[in-house]
Amino acid sequence: LGKSLTIAQFLADPAAQDATAIYQVARKLNKYGNADDVASVWFTGQPAKKGALSVDDNGTTGSKYVALVRSALARLI
């Protein structure tokens, strides 16, 4: 963003949150080359094949999260 924010400032600034998310997703897309790996890394910390069976506290697996992101992206196109 080019500026420092406190946690409270960041949480109160949706534009800063969006800019940070866009920047991080773009970096991961550049590194991994595909949306499935980006979504998996965001959720599990690992590319899709390695993170598929990871489960969060709500029972969502890495593969389910990737499918949800893929579905959301398809609705945007």
PDB file of N, CA and C in Angstrom:
ATOM      1  N   LEU A   1       0.815  -1.209   0.000  1.00  0.00           N
ATOM      2  CA  LEU A   1       0.000   0.000   0.000  1.00  0.00           C
ATOM      3  C   LEU A   1       0.848   1.257   0.000  1.00  0.00           C
ATOM      4  N   GLY A   2       2.078   1.119   0.416  1.00  0.00           N
ATOM      5  CA  GLY A   2       2.949   2.281   0.481  1.00  0.00           C
ATOM      6  C   GLY A   2       2.819   3.077   1.760  1.00  0.00           C
ATOM      7  N   LYS A   3       2.067   2.571   2.708  1.00  0.00           N
ATOM      8  CA  LYS A   3       1.947   3.263   3.996  1.00  0.00           C
ATOM      9  C   LYS A   3       1.736   2.232   5.096  1.00  0.00           C
ATOM     10  N   SER A   4       2.121   2.600   6.292  1.00  0.00           N
ATOM     11  CA  SER A   4       1.929   1.720   7.441  1.00  0.00           C
ATOM     12  C   SER A   4       0.569   1.987   8.062  1.00  0.00           C
ATOM     13  N   LEU A   5      -0.065   0.911   8.516  1.00  0.00           N
ATOM     14  CA  LEU A   5      -1.343   1.026   9.210  1.00  0.00           C
ATOM     15  C   LEU A   5      -1.273   0.225  10.499  1.00  0.00           C
ATOM     16  N   THR A   6      -1.936   0.710  11.512  1.00  0.00           N
ATOM     17  CA  THR A   6      -2.099  -0.105  12.714  1.00  0.00           C
ATOM     18  C   THR A   6      -3.129  -1.186  12.388  1.00  0.00           C
ATOM     19  N   ILE A   7      -3.230  -2.162  13.244  1.00  0.00           N
ATOM     20  CA  ILE A   7      -4.238  -3.203  13.036  1.00  0.00           C
ATOM     21  C   ILE A   7      -5.629  -2.585  12.992  1.00  0.00           C
ATOM     22  N   ALA A   8      -5.912  -1.667  13.906  1.00  0.00           N
ATOM     23  CA  ALA A   8      -7.225  -1.023  13.951  1.00  0.00           C
ATOM     24  C   ALA A   8      -7.493  -0.237  12.663  1.00  0.00           C
ATOM     25  N   GLN A   9      -6.493   0.471  12.163  1.00  0.00           N
ATOM     26  CA  GLN A   9      -6.659   1.221  10.915  1.00  0.00           C
ATOM     27  C   GLN A   9      -6.926   0.268   9.745  1.00  0.00           C
ATOM     28  N   PHE A  10      -6.167  -0.815   9.692  1.00  0.00           N
ATOM     29  CA  PHE A  10      -6.351  -1.794   8.620  1.00  0.00           C
ATOM     30  C   PHE A  10      -7.758  -2.388   8.660  1.00  0.00           C
ATOM     31  N   LEU A  11      -8.209  -2.774   9.844  1.00  0.00           N
ATOM     32  CA  LEU A  11      -9.531  -3.375   9.971  1.00  0.00           C
ATOM     33  C   LEU A  11     -10.652  -2.395   9.645  1.00  0.00           C
ATOM     34  N   ALA A  12     -10.395  -1.116   9.811  1.00  0.00           N
ATOM     35  CA  ALA A  12     -11.402  -0.093   9.521  1.00  0.00           C
ATOM     36  C   ALA A  12     -11.344   0.398   8.075  1.00  0.00           C
ATOM     37  N   ASP A  13     -10.438  -0.138   7.264  1.00  0.00           N
ATOM     38  CA  ASP A  13     -10.227   0.359   5.902  1.00  0.00           C
ATOM     39  C   ASP A  13     -10.432  -0.754   4.873  1.00  0.00           C
ATOM     40  N   PRO A  14     -11.667  -0.934   4.391  1.00  0.00           N
ATOM     41  CA  PRO A  14     -11.932  -1.987   3.406  1.00  0.00           C
ATOM     42  C   PRO A  14     -11.073  -1.863   2.141  1.00  0.00           C
ATOM     43  N   ALA A  15     -10.767  -0.665   1.730  1.00  0.00           N
ATOM     44  CA  ALA A  15      -9.930  -0.489   0.536  1.00  0.00           C
ATOM     45  C   ALA A  15      -8.518  -1.027   0.772  1.00  0.00           C
ATOM     46  N   ALA A  16      -7.992  -0.816   1.961  1.00  0.00           N
ATOM     47  CA  ALA A  16      -6.662  -1.351   2.296  1.00  0.00           C
ATOM     48  C   ALA A  16      -6.702  -2.869   2.348  1.00  0.00           C
ATOM     49  N   GLN A  17      -7.774  -3.434   2.878  1.00  0.00           N
ATOM     50  CA  GLN A  17      -7.924  -4.884   2.929  1.00  0.00           C
ATOM     51  C   GLN A  17      -7.999  -5.464   1.516  1.00  0.00           C
ATOM     52  N   ASP A  18      -8.788  -4.826   0.659  1.00  0.00           N
ATOM     53  CA  ASP A  18      -8.901  -5.292  -0.730  1.00  0.00           C
ATOM     54  C   ASP A  18      -7.563  -5.195  -1.456  1.00  0.00           C
ATOM     55  N   ALA A  19      -6.872  -4.082  -1.281  1.00  0.00           N
ATOM     56  CA  ALA A  19      -5.571  -3.890  -1.947  1.00  0.00           C
ATOM     57  C   ALA A  19      -4.570  -4.942  -1.484  1.00  0.00           C
ATOM     58  N   THR A  20      -4.575  -5.239  -0.199  1.00  0.00           N
ATOM     59  CA  THR A  20      -3.668  -6.253   0.344  1.00  0.00           C
ATOM     60  C   THR A  20      -4.009  -7.637  -0.209  1.00  0.00           C
ATOM     61  N   ALA A  21      -5.290  -7.974  -0.244  1.00  0.00           N
ATOM     62  CA  ALA A  21      -5.704  -9.278  -0.772  1.00  0.00           C
ATOM     63  C   ALA A  21      -5.338  -9.399  -2.254  1.00  0.00           C
ATOM     64  N   ILE A  22      -5.597  -8.371  -3.030  1.00  0.00           N
ATOM     65  CA  ILE A  22      -5.264  -8.387  -4.460  1.00  0.00           C
ATOM     66  C   ILE A  22      -3.771  -8.561  -4.656  1.00  0.00           C
ATOM     67  N   TYR A  23      -2.984  -7.855  -3.887  1.00  0.00           N
ATOM     68  CA  TYR A  23      -1.527  -7.954  -3.985  1.00  0.00           C
ATOM     69  C   TYR A  23      -1.063  -9.377  -3.655  1.00  0.00           C
ATOM     70  N   GLN A  24      -1.581  -9.930  -2.574  1.00  0.00           N
ATOM     71  CA  GLN A  24      -1.155 -11.272  -2.158  1.00  0.00           C
ATOM     72  C   GLN A  24      -1.604 -12.339  -3.157  1.00  0.00           C
ATOM     73  N   VAL A  25      -2.822 -12.227  -3.668  1.00  0.00           N
ATOM     74  CA  VAL A  25      -3.303 -13.192  -4.653  1.00  0.00           C
ATOM     75  C   VAL A  25      -2.467 -13.096  -5.928  1.00  0.00           C
ATOM     76  N   ALA A  26      -2.170 -11.887  -6.369  1.00  0.00           N
ATOM     77  CA  ALA A  26      -1.344 -11.710  -7.576  1.00  0.00           C
ATOM     78  C   ALA A  26       0.041 -12.325  -7.387  1.00  0.00           C
ATOM     79  N   ARG A  27       0.636 -12.133  -6.218  1.00  0.00           N
ATOM     80  CA  ARG A  27       1.949 -12.738  -5.942  1.00  0.00           C
ATOM     81  C   ARG A  27       1.878 -14.254  -6.009  1.00  0.00           C
ATOM     82  N   LYS A  28       0.837 -14.819  -5.400  1.00  0.00           N
ATOM     83  CA  LYS A  28       0.693 -16.275  -5.397  1.00  0.00           C
ATOM     84  C   LYS A  28       0.372 -16.801  -6.798  1.00  0.00           C
ATOM     85  N   LEU A  29      -0.425 -16.071  -7.558  1.00  0.00           N
ATOM     86  CA  LEU A  29      -0.731 -16.485  -8.923  1.00  0.00           C
ATOM     87  C   LEU A  29       0.530 -16.462  -9.778  1.00  0.00           C
ATOM     88  N   ASN A  30       1.361 -15.466  -9.582  1.00  0.00           N
ATOM     89  CA  ASN A  30       2.631 -15.394 -10.304  1.00  0.00           C
ATOM     90  C   ASN A  30       3.536 -16.569  -9.928  1.00  0.00           C
ATOM     91  N   LYS A  31       3.511 -16.953  -8.660  1.00  0.00           N
ATOM     92  CA  LYS A  31       4.364 -18.046  -8.193  1.00  0.00           C
ATOM     93  C   LYS A  31       3.841 -19.418  -8.621  1.00  0.00           C
ATOM     94  N   TYR A  32       2.534 -19.662  -8.460  1.00  0.00           N
ATOM     95  CA  TYR A  32       1.973 -20.991  -8.688  1.00  0.00           C
ATOM     96  C   TYR A  32       1.344 -21.170 -10.070  1.00  0.00           C
ATOM     97  N   GLY A  33       0.917 -20.091 -10.690  1.00  0.00           N
ATOM     98  CA  GLY A  33       0.431 -20.140 -12.069  1.00  0.00           C
ATOM     99  C   GLY A  33      -0.998 -20.589 -12.284  1.00  0.00           C
ATOM    100  N   ASN A  34      -1.723 -20.902 -11.202  1.00  0.00           N
ATOM    101  CA  ASN A  34      -3.119 -21.307 -11.395  1.00  0.00           C
ATOM    102  C   ASN A  34      -3.932 -20.991 -10.144  1.00  0.00           C
ATOM    103  N   ALA A  35      -5.227 -20.766 -10.373  1.00  0.00           N
ATOM    104  CA  ALA A  35      -6.113 -20.328  -9.292  1.00  0.00           C
ATOM    105  C   ALA A  35      -6.323 -21.406  -8.227  1.00  0.00           C
ATOM    106  N   ASP A  36      -6.320 -22.689  -8.623  1.00  0.00           N
ATOM    107  CA  ASP A  36      -6.521 -23.748  -7.634  1.00  0.00           C
ATOM    108  C   ASP A  36      -5.404 -23.752  -6.594  1.00  0.00           C
ATOM    109  N   ASP A  37      -4.165 -23.641  -7.049  1.00  0.00           N
ATOM    110  CA  ASP A  37      -3.050 -23.617  -6.099  1.00  0.00           C
ATOM    111  C   ASP A  37      -3.082 -22.351  -5.250  1.00  0.00           C
ATOM    112  N   VAL A  38      -3.467 -21.229  -5.843  1.00  0.00           N
ATOM    113  CA  VAL A  38      -3.557 -19.974  -5.081  1.00  0.00           C
ATOM    114  C   VAL A  38      -4.585 -20.122  -3.964  1.00  0.00           C
ATOM    115  N   ALA A  39      -5.763 -20.638  -4.295  1.00  0.00           N
ATOM    116  CA  ALA A  39      -6.808 -20.818  -3.279  1.00  0.00           C
ATOM    117  C   ALA A  39      -6.349 -21.782  -2.190  1.00  0.00           C
ATOM    118  N   SER A  40      -5.713 -22.866  -2.596  1.00  0.00           N
ATOM    119  CA  SER A  40      -5.248 -23.852  -1.625  1.00  0.00           C
ATOM    120  C   SER A  40      -4.171 -23.278  -0.716  1.00  0.00           C
ATOM    121  N   VAL A  41      -3.223 -22.549  -1.284  1.00  0.00           N
ATOM    122  CA  VAL A  41      -2.164 -21.933  -0.473  1.00  0.00           C
ATOM    123  C   VAL A  41      -2.771 -20.927   0.497  1.00  0.00           C
ATOM    124  N   TRP A  42      -3.747 -20.176   0.043  1.00  0.00           N
ATOM    125  CA  TRP A  42      -4.413 -19.185   0.907  1.00  0.00           C
ATOM    126  C   TRP A  42      -5.059 -19.891   2.101  1.00  0.00           C
ATOM    127  N   PHE A  43      -5.672 -21.051   1.844  1.00  0.00           N
ATOM    128  CA  PHE A  43      -6.439 -21.759   2.872  1.00  0.00           C
ATOM    129  C   PHE A  43      -5.586 -22.701   3.714  1.00  0.00           C
ATOM    130  N   THR A  44      -4.667 -23.428   3.066  1.00  0.00           N
ATOM    131  CA  THR A  44      -3.923 -24.482   3.770  1.00  0.00           C
ATOM    132  C   THR A  44      -2.441 -24.201   3.933  1.00  0.00           C
ATOM    133  N   GLY A  45      -1.926 -23.260   3.126  1.00  0.00           N
ATOM    134  CA  GLY A  45      -0.490 -23.012   3.142  1.00  0.00           C
ATOM    135  C   GLY A  45       0.275 -23.897   2.172  1.00  0.00           C
ATOM    136  N   GLN A  46      -0.458 -24.758   1.440  1.00  0.00           N
ATOM    137  CA  GLN A  46       0.181 -25.681   0.502  1.00  0.00           C
ATOM    138  C   GLN A  46      -0.580 -25.688  -0.827  1.00  0.00           C
ATOM    139  N   PRO A  47       0.117 -25.995  -1.934  1.00  0.00           N
ATOM    140  CA  PRO A  47      -0.572 -26.127  -3.213  1.00  0.00           C
ATOM    141  C   PRO A  47      -1.674 -27.187  -3.141  1.00  0.00           C
ATOM    142  N   ALA A  48      -2.566 -27.182  -4.123  1.00  0.00           N
ATOM    143  CA  ALA A  48      -3.781 -28.004  -4.092  1.00  0.00           C
ATOM    144  C   ALA A  48      -3.531 -29.478  -3.823  1.00  0.00           C
ATOM    145  N   LYS A  49      -2.567 -30.087  -4.495  1.00  0.00           N
ATOM    146  CA  LYS A  49      -2.345 -31.530  -4.299  1.00  0.00           C
ATOM    147  C   LYS A  49      -1.898 -31.859  -2.884  1.00  0.00           C
ATOM    148  N   LYS A  50      -1.095 -31.003  -2.294  1.00  0.00           N
ATOM    149  CA  LYS A  50      -0.608 -31.265  -0.936  1.00  0.00           C
ATOM    150  C   LYS A  50      -1.609 -30.833   0.135  1.00  0.00           C
ATOM    151  N   GLY A  51      -2.429 -29.834  -0.163  1.00  0.00           N
ATOM    152  CA  GLY A  51      -3.346 -29.304   0.843  1.00  0.00           C
ATOM    153  C   GLY A  51      -4.758 -29.838   0.770  1.00  0.00           C
ATOM    154  N   ALA A  52      -5.022 -30.727  -0.182  1.00  0.00           N
ATOM    155  CA  ALA A  52      -6.390 -31.201  -0.427  1.00  0.00           C
ATOM    156  C   ALA A  52      -7.059 -31.791   0.800  1.00  0.00           C
ATOM    157  N   LEU A  53      -6.326 -32.523   1.609  1.00  0.00           N
ATOM    158  CA  LEU A  53      -6.927 -33.208   2.751  1.00  0.00           C
ATOM    159  C   LEU A  53      -6.818 -32.432   4.061  1.00  0.00           C
ATOM    160  N   SER A  54      -6.197 -31.258   4.020  1.00  0.00           N
ATOM    161  CA  SER A  54      -6.147 -30.416   5.220  1.00  0.00           C
ATOM    162  C   SER A  54      -7.567 -30.009   5.590  1.00  0.00           C
ATOM    163  N   VAL A  55      -7.842 -29.937   6.885  1.00  0.00           N
ATOM    164  CA  VAL A  55      -9.196 -29.630   7.352  1.00  0.00           C
ATOM    165  C   VAL A  55      -9.128 -28.499   8.368  1.00  0.00           C
ATOM    166  N   ASP A  56     -10.040 -27.519   8.237  1.00  0.00           N
ATOM    167  CA  ASP A  56     -10.090 -26.450   9.226  1.00  0.00           C
ATOM    168  C   ASP A  56     -11.025 -26.832  10.371  1.00  0.00           C
ATOM    169  N   ASP A  57     -11.203 -25.933  11.321  1.00  0.00           N
ATOM    170  CA  ASP A  57     -12.023 -26.217  12.502  1.00  0.00           C
ATOM    171  C   ASP A  57     -13.495 -26.442  12.170  1.00  0.00           C
ATOM    172  N   ASN A  58     -13.922 -25.969  10.999  1.00  0.00           N
ATOM    173  CA  ASN A  58     -15.320 -26.151  10.586  1.00  0.00           C
ATOM    174  C   ASN A  58     -15.532 -27.418   9.756  1.00  0.00           C
ATOM    175  N   GLY A  59     -14.446 -28.160   9.505  1.00  0.00           N
ATOM    176  CA  GLY A  59     -14.547 -29.379   8.732  1.00  0.00           C
ATOM    177  C   GLY A  59     -14.369 -29.197   7.234  1.00  0.00           C
ATOM    178  N   THR A  60     -14.045 -27.991   6.810  1.00  0.00           N
ATOM    179  CA  THR A  60     -13.829 -27.734   5.385  1.00  0.00           C
ATOM    180  C   THR A  60     -12.448 -28.233   4.994  1.00  0.00           C
ATOM    181  N   THR A  61     -12.408 -29.071   3.955  1.00  0.00           N
ATOM    182  CA  THR A  61     -11.116 -29.566   3.471  1.00  0.00           C
ATOM    183  C   THR A  61     -10.533 -28.580   2.472  1.00  0.00           C
ATOM    184  N   GLY A  62      -9.259 -28.721   2.215  1.00  0.00           N
ATOM    185  CA  GLY A  62      -8.604 -27.893   1.215  1.00  0.00           C
ATOM    186  C   GLY A  62      -9.247 -28.053  -0.146  1.00  0.00           C
ATOM    187  N   SER A  63      -9.591 -29.288  -0.516  1.00  0.00           N
ATOM    188  CA  SER A  63     -10.213 -29.509  -1.825  1.00  0.00           C
ATOM    189  C   SER A  63     -11.602 -28.876  -1.894  1.00  0.00           C
ATOM    190  N   LYS A  64     -12.367 -28.899  -0.821  1.00  0.00           N
ATOM    191  CA  LYS A  64     -13.687 -28.252  -0.787  1.00  0.00           C
ATOM    192  C   LYS A  64     -13.527 -26.740  -0.920  1.00  0.00           C
ATOM    193  N   TYR A  65     -12.554 -26.157  -0.232  1.00  0.00           N
ATOM    194  CA  TYR A  65     -12.327 -24.721  -0.321  1.00  0.00           C
ATOM    195  C   TYR A  65     -11.961 -24.332  -1.748  1.00  0.00           C
ATOM    196  N   VAL A  66     -11.088 -25.092  -2.381  1.00  0.00           N
ATOM    197  CA  VAL A  66     -10.703 -24.811  -3.769  1.00  0.00           C
ATOM    198  C   VAL A  66     -11.936 -24.869  -4.665  1.00  0.00           C
ATOM    199  N   ALA A  67     -12.793 -25.859  -4.462  1.00  0.00           N
ATOM    200  CA  ALA A  67     -14.017 -25.976  -5.264  1.00  0.00           C
ATOM    201  C   ALA A  67     -14.936 -24.775  -5.050  1.00  0.00           C
ATOM    202  N   LEU A  68     -15.043 -24.308  -3.815  1.00  0.00           N
ATOM    203  CA  LEU A  68     -15.866 -23.132  -3.523  1.00  0.00           C
ATOM    204  C   LEU A  68     -15.310 -21.888  -4.215  1.00  0.00           C
ATOM    205  N   VAL A  69     -13.993 -21.720  -4.180  1.00  0.00           N
ATOM    206  CA  VAL A  69     -13.374 -20.574  -4.845  1.00  0.00           C
ATOM    207  C   VAL A  69     -13.568 -20.683  -6.354  1.00  0.00           C
ATOM    208  N   ARG A  70     -13.372 -21.867  -6.904  1.00  0.00           N
ATOM    209  CA  ARG A  70     -13.561 -22.076  -8.342  1.00  0.00           C
ATOM    210  C   ARG A  70     -14.993 -21.716  -8.745  1.00  0.00           C
ATOM    211  N   SER A  71     -15.969 -22.126  -7.958  1.00  0.00           N
ATOM    212  CA  SER A  71     -17.376 -21.825  -8.230  1.00  0.00           C
ATOM    213  C   SER A  71     -17.637 -20.316  -8.162  1.00  0.00           C
ATOM    214  N   ALA A  72     -17.077 -19.655  -7.158  1.00  0.00           N
ATOM    215  CA  ALA A  72     -17.255 -18.201  -7.031  1.00  0.00           C
ATOM    216  C   ALA A  72     -16.624 -17.475  -8.223  1.00  0.00           C
ATOM    217  N   LEU A  73     -15.452 -17.915  -8.654  1.00  0.00           N
ATOM    218  CA  LEU A  73     -14.801 -17.288  -9.810  1.00  0.00           C
ATOM    219  C   LEU A  73     -15.619 -17.486 -11.080  1.00  0.00           C
ATOM    220  N   ALA A  74     -16.220 -18.657 -11.225  1.00  0.00           N
ATOM    221  CA  ALA A  74     -17.025 -18.946 -12.414  1.00  0.00           C
ATOM    222  C   ALA A  74     -18.239 -18.006 -12.490  1.00  0.00           C
ATOM    223  N   ARG A  75     -18.803 -17.660 -11.341  1.00  0.00           N
ATOM    224  CA  ARG A  75     -19.949 -16.736 -11.323  1.00  0.00           C
ATOM    225  C   ARG A  75     -19.541 -15.323 -11.709  1.00  0.00           C
ATOM    226  N   LEU A  76     -18.274 -14.974 -11.504  1.00  0.00           N
ATOM    227  CA  LEU A  76     -17.796 -13.630 -11.843  1.00  0.00           C
ATOM    228  C   LEU A  76     -17.532 -13.457 -13.337  1.00  0.00           C
ATOM    229  N   ILE A  77     -17.296 -14.569 -14.000  1.00  0.00           N
ATOM    230  CA  ILE A  77     -16.928 -14.499 -15.423  1.00  0.00           C
ATOM    231  C   ILE A  77     -18.147 -14.501 -16.311  1.00  0.00           C
TER     232      ILE A  77
END
